[in-house]
Amino acid sequence: MALQNKGRRWLVYALITTVFWGIWGALIEQPEKAGFPATLGYCMWALTMIPCALLALGWSGWRLEFSGRKVALGLTVGLLGAG
């Protein structure tokens, strides 16, 4: 996939994210089998999101964009992901 088309760059990032989620989902059982509590696995996953969020904020010039639509879409994605 060519990254020259900025209009579709989001799709590349979405596909990479999906692949890594699949890898994480496949491998998360291994620590649990060794006695590592599942809750700590999720905590570690949450902590690994902090550098990703900082990287994304850095790319956006350290500014957050707020609009009703964006907040609603973010809430919907978060709630559906948690469900």
PDB file of N, CA and C in Angstrom:
ATOM      1  N   MET A   1       0.829  -1.187   0.000  1.00  0.00           N
ATOM      2  CA  MET A   1       0.000   0.000   0.000  1.00  0.00           C
ATOM      3  C   MET A   1       0.867   1.242   0.000  1.00  0.00           C
ATOM      4  N   ALA A   2       0.530   2.139  -0.843  1.00  0.00           N
ATOM      5  CA  ALA A   2       1.287   3.380  -0.918  1.00  0.00           C
ATOM      6  C   ALA A   2       0.767   4.352   0.133  1.00  0.00           C
ATOM      7  N   LEU A   3       1.682   4.996   0.820  1.00  0.00           N
ATOM      8  CA  LEU A   3       1.282   5.956   1.851  1.00  0.00           C
ATOM      9  C   LEU A   3       1.221   7.382   1.311  1.00  0.00           C
ATOM     10  N   GLN A   4       1.391   7.547  -0.018  1.00  0.00           N
ATOM     11  CA  GLN A   4       1.350   8.894  -0.566  1.00  0.00           C
ATOM     12  C   GLN A   4      -0.046   9.492  -0.472  1.00  0.00           C
ATOM     13  N   ASN A   5      -1.057   8.673  -0.549  1.00  0.00           N
ATOM     14  CA  ASN A   5      -2.429   9.158  -0.487  1.00  0.00           C
ATOM     15  C   ASN A   5      -2.820   9.390   0.966  1.00  0.00           C
ATOM     16  N   LYS A   6      -2.760  10.638   1.411  1.00  0.00           N
ATOM     17  CA  LYS A   6      -3.044  10.951   2.813  1.00  0.00           C
ATOM     18  C   LYS A   6      -4.488  10.664   3.187  1.00  0.00           C
ATOM     19  N   GLY A   7      -5.389  10.664   2.223  1.00  0.00           N
ATOM     20  CA  GLY A   7      -6.786  10.403   2.508  1.00  0.00           C
ATOM     21  C   GLY A   7      -7.031   8.985   2.997  1.00  0.00           C
ATOM     22  N   ARG A   8      -6.130   8.065   2.695  1.00  0.00           N
ATOM     23  CA  ARG A   8      -6.301   6.668   3.109  1.00  0.00           C
ATOM     24  C   ARG A   8      -5.279   6.225   4.142  1.00  0.00           C
ATOM     25  N   ARG A   9      -4.507   7.138   4.651  1.00  0.00           N
ATOM     26  CA  ARG A   9      -3.494   6.768   5.641  1.00  0.00           C
ATOM     27  C   ARG A   9      -4.127   6.180   6.898  1.00  0.00           C
ATOM     28  N   TRP A  10      -5.303   6.665   7.257  1.00  0.00           N
ATOM     29  CA  TRP A  10      -6.003   6.161   8.431  1.00  0.00           C
ATOM     30  C   TRP A  10      -6.287   4.674   8.297  1.00  0.00           C
ATOM     31  N   LEU A  11      -6.542   4.223   7.063  1.00  0.00           N
ATOM     32  CA  LEU A  11      -6.851   2.817   6.848  1.00  0.00           C
ATOM     33  C   LEU A  11      -5.643   1.936   7.161  1.00  0.00           C
ATOM     34  N   VAL A  12      -4.460   2.399   6.798  1.00  0.00           N
ATOM     35  CA  VAL A  12      -3.237   1.646   7.105  1.00  0.00           C
ATOM     36  C   VAL A  12      -3.075   1.527   8.618  1.00  0.00           C
ATOM     37  N   TYR A  13      -3.261   2.630   9.327  1.00  0.00           N
ATOM     38  CA  TYR A  13      -3.140   2.604  10.787  1.00  0.00           C
ATOM     39  C   TYR A  13      -4.206   1.704  11.413  1.00  0.00           C
ATOM     40  N   ALA A  14      -5.416   1.750  10.876  1.00  0.00           N
ATOM     41  CA  ALA A  14      -6.491   0.904  11.406  1.00  0.00           C
ATOM     42  C   ALA A  14      -6.166  -0.578  11.188  1.00  0.00           C
ATOM     43  N   LEU A  15      -5.626  -0.921  10.032  1.00  0.00           N
ATOM     44  CA  LEU A  15      -5.269  -2.312   9.762  1.00  0.00           C
ATOM     45  C   LEU A  15      -4.122  -2.785  10.656  1.00  0.00           C
ATOM     46  N   ILE A  16      -3.123  -1.936  10.853  1.00  0.00           N
ATOM     47  CA  ILE A  16      -2.007  -2.286  11.739  1.00  0.00           C
ATOM     48  C   ILE A  16      -2.523  -2.498  13.158  1.00  0.00           C
ATOM     49  N   THR A  17      -3.410  -1.620  13.625  1.00  0.00           N
ATOM     50  CA  THR A  17      -3.984  -1.752  14.959  1.00  0.00           C
ATOM     51  C   THR A  17      -4.738  -3.064  15.101  1.00  0.00           C
ATOM     52  N   THR A  18      -5.529  -3.404  14.092  1.00  0.00           N
ATOM     53  CA  THR A  18      -6.309  -4.638  14.128  1.00  0.00           C
ATOM     54  C   THR A  18      -5.403  -5.859  14.195  1.00  0.00           C
ATOM     55  N   VAL A  19      -4.315  -5.843  13.437  1.00  0.00           N
ATOM     56  CA  VAL A  19      -3.365  -6.969  13.470  1.00  0.00           C
ATOM     57  C   VAL A  19      -2.752  -7.108  14.859  1.00  0.00           C
ATOM     58  N   PHE A  20      -2.333  -5.993  15.446  1.00  0.00           N
ATOM     59  CA  PHE A  20      -1.724  -6.059  16.776  1.00  0.00           C
ATOM     60  C   PHE A  20      -2.725  -6.471  17.840  1.00  0.00           C
ATOM     61  N   TRP A  21      -3.994  -6.070  17.712  1.00  0.00           N
ATOM     62  CA  TRP A  21      -5.016  -6.529  18.649  1.00  0.00           C
ATOM     63  C   TRP A  21      -5.192  -8.036  18.541  1.00  0.00           C
ATOM     64  N   GLY A  22      -5.144  -8.551  17.322  1.00  0.00           N
ATOM     65  CA  GLY A  22      -5.257  -9.996  17.129  1.00  0.00           C
ATOM     66  C   GLY A  22      -4.090 -10.747  17.754  1.00  0.00           C
ATOM     67  N   ILE A  23      -2.894 -10.219  17.585  1.00  0.00           N
ATOM     68  CA  ILE A  23      -1.712 -10.836  18.195  1.00  0.00           C
ATOM     69  C   ILE A  23      -1.836 -10.812  19.710  1.00  0.00           C
ATOM     70  N   TRP A  24      -2.245  -9.660  20.257  1.00  0.00           N
ATOM     71  CA  TRP A  24      -2.403  -9.550  21.709  1.00  0.00           C
ATOM     72  C   TRP A  24      -3.452 -10.539  22.199  1.00  0.00           C
ATOM     73  N   GLY A  25      -4.566 -10.638  21.486  1.00  0.00           N
ATOM     74  CA  GLY A  25      -5.621 -11.557  21.892  1.00  0.00           C
ATOM     75  C   GLY A  25      -5.168 -13.007  21.868  1.00  0.00           C
ATOM     76  N   ALA A  26      -4.315 -13.343  20.915  1.00  0.00           N
ATOM     77  CA  ALA A  26      -3.821 -14.716  20.819  1.00  0.00           C
ATOM     78  C   ALA A  26      -2.797 -15.025  21.907  1.00  0.00           C
ATOM     79  N   LEU A  27      -2.036 -14.030  22.307  1.00  0.00           N
ATOM     80  CA  LEU A  27      -0.942 -14.270  23.256  1.00  0.00           C
ATOM     81  C   LEU A  27      -1.298 -13.994  24.710  1.00  0.00           C
ATOM     82  N   ILE A  28      -2.431 -13.352  24.981  1.00  0.00           N
ATOM     83  CA  ILE A  28      -2.753 -12.962  26.358  1.00  0.00           C
ATOM     84  C   ILE A  28      -2.991 -14.172  27.246  1.00  0.00           C
ATOM     85  N   GLU A  29      -3.345 -15.309  26.658  1.00  0.00           N
ATOM     86  CA  GLU A  29      -3.580 -16.511  27.468  1.00  0.00           C
ATOM     87  C   GLU A  29      -2.296 -17.052  28.091  1.00  0.00           C
ATOM     88  N   GLN A  30      -1.182 -16.853  27.439  1.00  0.00           N
ATOM     89  CA  GLN A  30       0.064 -17.447  27.916  1.00  0.00           C
ATOM     90  C   GLN A  30       0.454 -16.995  29.321  1.00  0.00           C
ATOM     91  N   PRO A  31       0.458 -15.696  29.625  1.00  0.00           N
ATOM     92  CA  PRO A  31       0.778 -15.291  31.001  1.00  0.00           C
ATOM     93  C   PRO A  31      -0.255 -15.803  32.009  1.00  0.00           C
ATOM     94  N   GLU A  32      -1.522 -15.868  31.593  1.00  0.00           N
ATOM     95  CA  GLU A  32      -2.567 -16.347  32.507  1.00  0.00           C
ATOM     96  C   GLU A  32      -2.329 -17.809  32.865  1.00  0.00           C
ATOM     97  N   LYS A  33      -1.877 -18.602  31.915  1.00  0.00           N
ATOM     98  CA  LYS A  33      -1.592 -20.012  32.183  1.00  0.00           C
ATOM     99  C   LYS A  33      -0.425 -20.169  33.162  1.00  0.00           C
ATOM    100  N   ALA A  34       0.454 -19.169  33.186  1.00  0.00           N
ATOM    101  CA  ALA A  34       1.611 -19.220  34.080  1.00  0.00           C
ATOM    102  C   ALA A  34       1.302 -18.609  35.449  1.00  0.00           C
ATOM    103  N   GLY A  35       0.037 -18.204  35.684  1.00  0.00           N
ATOM    104  CA  GLY A  35      -0.338 -17.670  36.983  1.00  0.00           C
ATOM    105  C   GLY A  35      -0.424 -16.159  37.052  1.00  0.00           C
ATOM    106  N   PHE A  36      -0.157 -15.457  35.955  1.00  0.00           N
ATOM    107  CA  PHE A  36      -0.245 -13.996  35.909  1.00  0.00           C
ATOM    108  C   PHE A  36      -1.722 -13.620  35.828  1.00  0.00           C
ATOM    109  N   PRO A  37      -2.266 -12.857  36.782  1.00  0.00           N
ATOM    110  CA  PRO A  37      -3.700 -12.547  36.785  1.00  0.00           C
ATOM    111  C   PRO A  37      -4.124 -11.802  35.512  1.00  0.00           C
ATOM    112  N   ALA A  38      -5.314 -12.133  35.024  1.00  0.00           N
ATOM    113  CA  ALA A  38      -5.840 -11.510  33.811  1.00  0.00           C
ATOM    114  C   ALA A  38      -5.971  -9.998  33.975  1.00  0.00           C
ATOM    115  N   THR A  39      -6.340  -9.557  35.165  1.00  0.00           N
ATOM    116  CA  THR A  39      -6.503  -8.127  35.414  1.00  0.00           C
ATOM    117  C   THR A  39      -5.198  -7.375  35.178  1.00  0.00           C
ATOM    118  N   LEU A  40      -4.087  -7.969  35.607  1.00  0.00           N
ATOM    119  CA  LEU A  40      -2.796  -7.306  35.389  1.00  0.00           C
ATOM    120  C   LEU A  40      -2.434  -7.271  33.913  1.00  0.00           C
ATOM    121  N   GLY A  41      -2.876  -8.276  33.171  1.00  0.00           N
ATOM    122  CA  GLY A  41      -2.654  -8.269  31.721  1.00  0.00           C
ATOM    123  C   GLY A  41      -3.346  -7.078  31.079  1.00  0.00           C
ATOM    124  N   TYR A  42      -4.578  -6.809  31.501  1.00  0.00           N
ATOM    125  CA  TYR A  42      -5.309  -5.664  30.964  1.00  0.00           C
ATOM    126  C   TYR A  42      -4.691  -4.346  31.434  1.00  0.00           C
ATOM    127  N   CYS A  43      -4.191  -4.317  32.651  1.00  0.00           N
ATOM    128  CA  CYS A  43      -3.519  -3.108  33.149  1.00  0.00           C
ATOM    129  C   CYS A  43      -2.264  -2.815  32.338  1.00  0.00           C
ATOM    130  N   MET A  44      -1.510  -3.849  32.032  1.00  0.00           N
ATOM    131  CA  MET A  44      -0.299  -3.666  31.226  1.00  0.00           C
ATOM    132  C   MET A  44      -0.661  -3.171  29.828  1.00  0.00           C
ATOM    133  N   TRP A  45      -1.742  -3.729  29.275  1.00  0.00           N
ATOM    134  CA  TRP A  45      -2.185  -3.284  27.950  1.00  0.00           C
ATOM    135  C   TRP A  45      -2.545  -1.803  28.001  1.00  0.00           C
ATOM    136  N   ALA A  46      -3.260  -1.392  29.054  1.00  0.00           N
ATOM    137  CA  ALA A  46      -3.647   0.008  29.183  1.00  0.00           C
ATOM    138  C   ALA A  46      -2.416   0.908  29.301  1.00  0.00           C
ATOM    139  N   LEU A  47      -1.418   0.466  30.050  1.00  0.00           N
ATOM    140  CA  LEU A  47      -0.190   1.264  30.194  1.00  0.00           C
ATOM    141  C   LEU A  47       0.563   1.396  28.884  1.00  0.00           C
ATOM    142  N   THR A  48       0.506   0.369  28.041  1.00  0.00           N
ATOM    143  CA  THR A  48       1.203   0.458  26.758  1.00  0.00           C
ATOM    144  C   THR A  48       0.496   1.417  25.798  1.00  0.00           C
ATOM    145  N   MET A  49      -0.728   1.814  26.108  1.00  0.00           N
ATOM    146  CA  MET A  49      -1.441   2.767  25.259  1.00  0.00           C
ATOM    147  C   MET A  49      -0.988   4.204  25.510  1.00  0.00           C
ATOM    148  N   ILE A  50      -0.365   4.449  26.658  1.00  0.00           N
ATOM    149  CA  ILE A  50       0.081   5.811  26.986  1.00  0.00           C
ATOM    150  C   ILE A  50       1.119   6.317  25.983  1.00  0.00           C
ATOM    151  N   PRO A  51       2.190   5.547  25.676  1.00  0.00           N
ATOM    152  CA  PRO A  51       3.129   6.041  24.664  1.00  0.00           C
ATOM    153  C   PRO A  51       2.474   6.255  23.299  1.00  0.00           C
ATOM    154  N   CYS A  52       1.529   5.397  22.941  1.00  0.00           N
ATOM    155  CA  CYS A  52       0.821   5.564  21.663  1.00  0.00           C
ATOM    156  C   CYS A  52       0.029   6.862  21.652  1.00  0.00           C
ATOM    157  N   ALA A  53      -0.637   7.162  22.754  1.00  0.00           N
ATOM    158  CA  ALA A  53      -1.414   8.398  22.846  1.00  0.00           C
ATOM    159  C   ALA A  53      -0.501   9.615  22.798  1.00  0.00           C
ATOM    160  N   LEU A  54       0.629   9.543  23.471  1.00  0.00           N
ATOM    161  CA  LEU A  54       1.574  10.663  23.441  1.00  0.00           C
ATOM    162  C   LEU A  54       2.132  10.873  22.040  1.00  0.00           C
ATOM    163  N   LEU A  55       2.402   9.802  21.343  1.00  0.00           N
ATOM    164  CA  LEU A  55       2.893   9.886  19.965  1.00  0.00           C
ATOM    165  C   LEU A  55       1.843  10.551  19.070  1.00  0.00           C
ATOM    166  N   ALA A  56       0.595  10.130  19.209  1.00  0.00           N
ATOM    167  CA  ALA A  56      -0.484  10.710  18.404  1.00  0.00           C
ATOM    168  C   ALA A  56      -0.665  12.192  18.725  1.00  0.00           C
ATOM    169  N   LEU A  57      -0.585  12.551  20.006  1.00  0.00           N
ATOM    170  CA  LEU A  57      -0.695  13.963  20.378  1.00  0.00           C
ATOM    171  C   LEU A  57       0.468  14.774  19.819  1.00  0.00           C
ATOM    172  N   GLY A  58       1.664  14.193  19.846  1.00  0.00           N
ATOM    173  CA  GLY A  58       2.824  14.876  19.278  1.00  0.00           C
ATOM    174  C   GLY A  58       2.651  15.149  17.795  1.00  0.00           C
ATOM    175  N   TRP A  59       2.104  14.175  17.082  1.00  0.00           N
ATOM    176  CA  TRP A  59       1.875  14.351  15.645  1.00  0.00           C
ATOM    177  C   TRP A  59       0.839  15.431  15.364  1.00  0.00           C
ATOM    178  N   SER A  60      -0.112  15.617  16.291  1.00  0.00           N
ATOM    179  CA  SER A  60      -1.166  16.610  16.070  1.00  0.00           C
ATOM    180  C   SER A  60      -0.779  17.988  16.602  1.00  0.00           C
ATOM    181  N   GLY A  61       0.454  18.133  17.024  1.00  0.00           N
ATOM    182  CA  GLY A  61       0.889  19.437  17.533  1.00  0.00           C
ATOM    183  C   GLY A  61       0.450  19.697  18.954  1.00  0.00           C
ATOM    184  N   TRP A  62       0.194  18.654  19.732  1.00  0.00           N
ATOM    185  CA  TRP A  62      -0.201  18.729  21.133  1.00  0.00           C
ATOM    186  C   TRP A  62      -1.501  19.495  21.329  1.00  0.00           C
ATOM    187  N   ARG A  63      -2.396  19.394  20.352  1.00  0.00           N
ATOM    188  CA  ARG A  63      -3.706  20.031  20.507  1.00  0.00           C
ATOM    189  C   ARG A  63      -4.790  18.974  20.334  1.00  0.00           C
ATOM    190  N   LEU A  64      -5.820  19.107  21.136  1.00  0.00           N
ATOM    191  CA  LEU A  64      -6.959  18.209  21.045  1.00  0.00           C
ATOM    192  C   LEU A  64      -8.071  18.911  20.289  1.00  0.00           C
ATOM    193  N   GLU A  65      -8.751  18.165  19.451  1.00  0.00           N
ATOM    194  CA  GLU A  65      -9.868  18.718  18.710  1.00  0.00           C
ATOM    195  C   GLU A  65     -11.169  18.267  19.365  1.00  0.00           C
ATOM    196  N   PHE A  66     -12.008  19.222  19.698  1.00  0.00           N
ATOM    197  CA  PHE A  66     -13.285  18.920  20.328  1.00  0.00           C
ATOM    198  C   PHE A  66     -14.419  19.360  19.415  1.00  0.00           C
ATOM    199  N   SER A  67     -15.340  18.472  19.192  1.00  0.00           N
ATOM    200  CA  SER A  67     -16.602  18.812  18.546  1.00  0.00           C
ATOM    201  C   SER A  67     -17.611  17.769  19.012  1.00  0.00           C
ATOM    202  N   GLY A  68     -18.863  18.121  18.966  1.00  0.00           N
ATOM    203  CA  GLY A  68     -19.891  17.190  19.432  1.00  0.00           C
ATOM    204  C   GLY A  68     -19.856  15.867  18.690  1.00  0.00           C
ATOM    205  N   ARG A  69     -19.654  15.926  17.378  1.00  0.00           N
ATOM    206  CA  ARG A  69     -19.630  14.709  16.571  1.00  0.00           C
ATOM    207  C   ARG A  69     -18.445  13.828  16.945  1.00  0.00           C
ATOM    208  N   LYS A  70     -17.272  14.419  17.103  1.00  0.00           N
ATOM    209  CA  LYS A  70     -16.081  13.653  17.445  1.00  0.00           C
ATOM    210  C   LYS A  70     -16.196  13.018  18.829  1.00  0.00           C
ATOM    211  N   VAL A  71     -16.750  13.750  19.766  1.00  0.00           N
ATOM    212  CA  VAL A  71     -16.942  13.206  21.109  1.00  0.00           C
ATOM    213  C   VAL A  71     -17.935  12.050  21.067  1.00  0.00           C
ATOM    214  N   ALA A  72     -19.028  12.213  20.306  1.00  0.00           N
ATOM    215  CA  ALA A  72     -20.036  11.156  20.198  1.00  0.00           C
ATOM    216  C   ALA A  72     -19.454   9.905  19.534  1.00  0.00           C
ATOM    217  N   LEU A  73     -18.673  10.090  18.478  1.00  0.00           N
ATOM    218  CA  LEU A  73     -18.060   8.944  17.812  1.00  0.00           C
ATOM    219  C   LEU A  73     -17.055   8.246  18.723  1.00  0.00           C
ATOM    220  N   GLY A  74     -16.258   9.018  19.449  1.00  0.00           N
ATOM    221  CA  GLY A  74     -15.298   8.433  20.380  1.00  0.00           C
ATOM    222  C   GLY A  74     -15.987   7.669  21.489  1.00  0.00           C
ATOM    223  N   LEU A  75     -17.052   8.236  22.014  1.00  0.00           N
ATOM    224  CA  LEU A  75     -17.816   7.547  23.066  1.00  0.00           C
ATOM    225  C   LEU A  75     -18.428   6.255  22.537  1.00  0.00           C
ATOM    226  N   THR A  76     -18.961   6.301  21.329  1.00  0.00           N
ATOM    227  CA  THR A  76     -19.567   5.111  20.729  1.00  0.00           C
ATOM    228  C   THR A  76     -18.531   4.019  20.536  1.00  0.00           C
ATOM    229  N   VAL A  77     -17.380   4.370  19.999  1.00  0.00           N
ATOM    230  CA  VAL A  77     -16.320   3.385  19.800  1.00  0.00           C
ATOM    231  C   VAL A  77     -15.862   2.797  21.141  1.00  0.00           C
ATOM    232  N   GLY A  78     -15.680   3.647  22.132  1.00  0.00           N
ATOM    233  CA  GLY A  78     -15.246   3.178  23.444  1.00  0.00           C
ATOM    234  C   GLY A  78     -16.251   2.240  24.100  1.00  0.00           C
ATOM    235  N   LEU A  79     -17.511   2.620  24.043  1.00  0.00           N
ATOM    236  CA  LEU A  79     -18.543   1.798  24.656  1.00  0.00           C
ATOM    237  C   LEU A  79     -18.730   0.468  23.925  1.00  0.00           C
ATOM    238  N   LEU A  80     -18.688   0.503  22.599  1.00  0.00           N
ATOM    239  CA  LEU A  80     -18.813  -0.735  21.833  1.00  0.00           C
ATOM    240  C   LEU A  80     -17.604  -1.633  22.064  1.00  0.00           C
ATOM    241  N   GLY A  81     -16.419  -1.023  22.166  1.00  0.00           N
ATOM    242  CA  GLY A  81     -15.215  -1.812  22.427  1.00  0.00           C
ATOM    243  C   GLY A  81     -15.255  -2.449  23.803  1.00  0.00           C
ATOM    244  N   ALA A  82     -15.764  -1.727  24.785  1.00  0.00           N
ATOM    245  CA  ALA A  82     -15.851  -2.272  26.134  1.00  0.00           C
ATOM    246  C   ALA A  82     -16.922  -3.358  26.233  1.00  0.00           C
ATOM    247  N   GLY A  83     -17.964  -3.205  25.409  1.00  0.00           N
ATOM    248  CA  GLY A  83     -19.062  -4.182  25.430  1.00  0.00           C
ATOM    249  C   GLY A  83     -18.659  -5.463  24.788  1.00  0.00           C
TER     250      GLY A  83
END
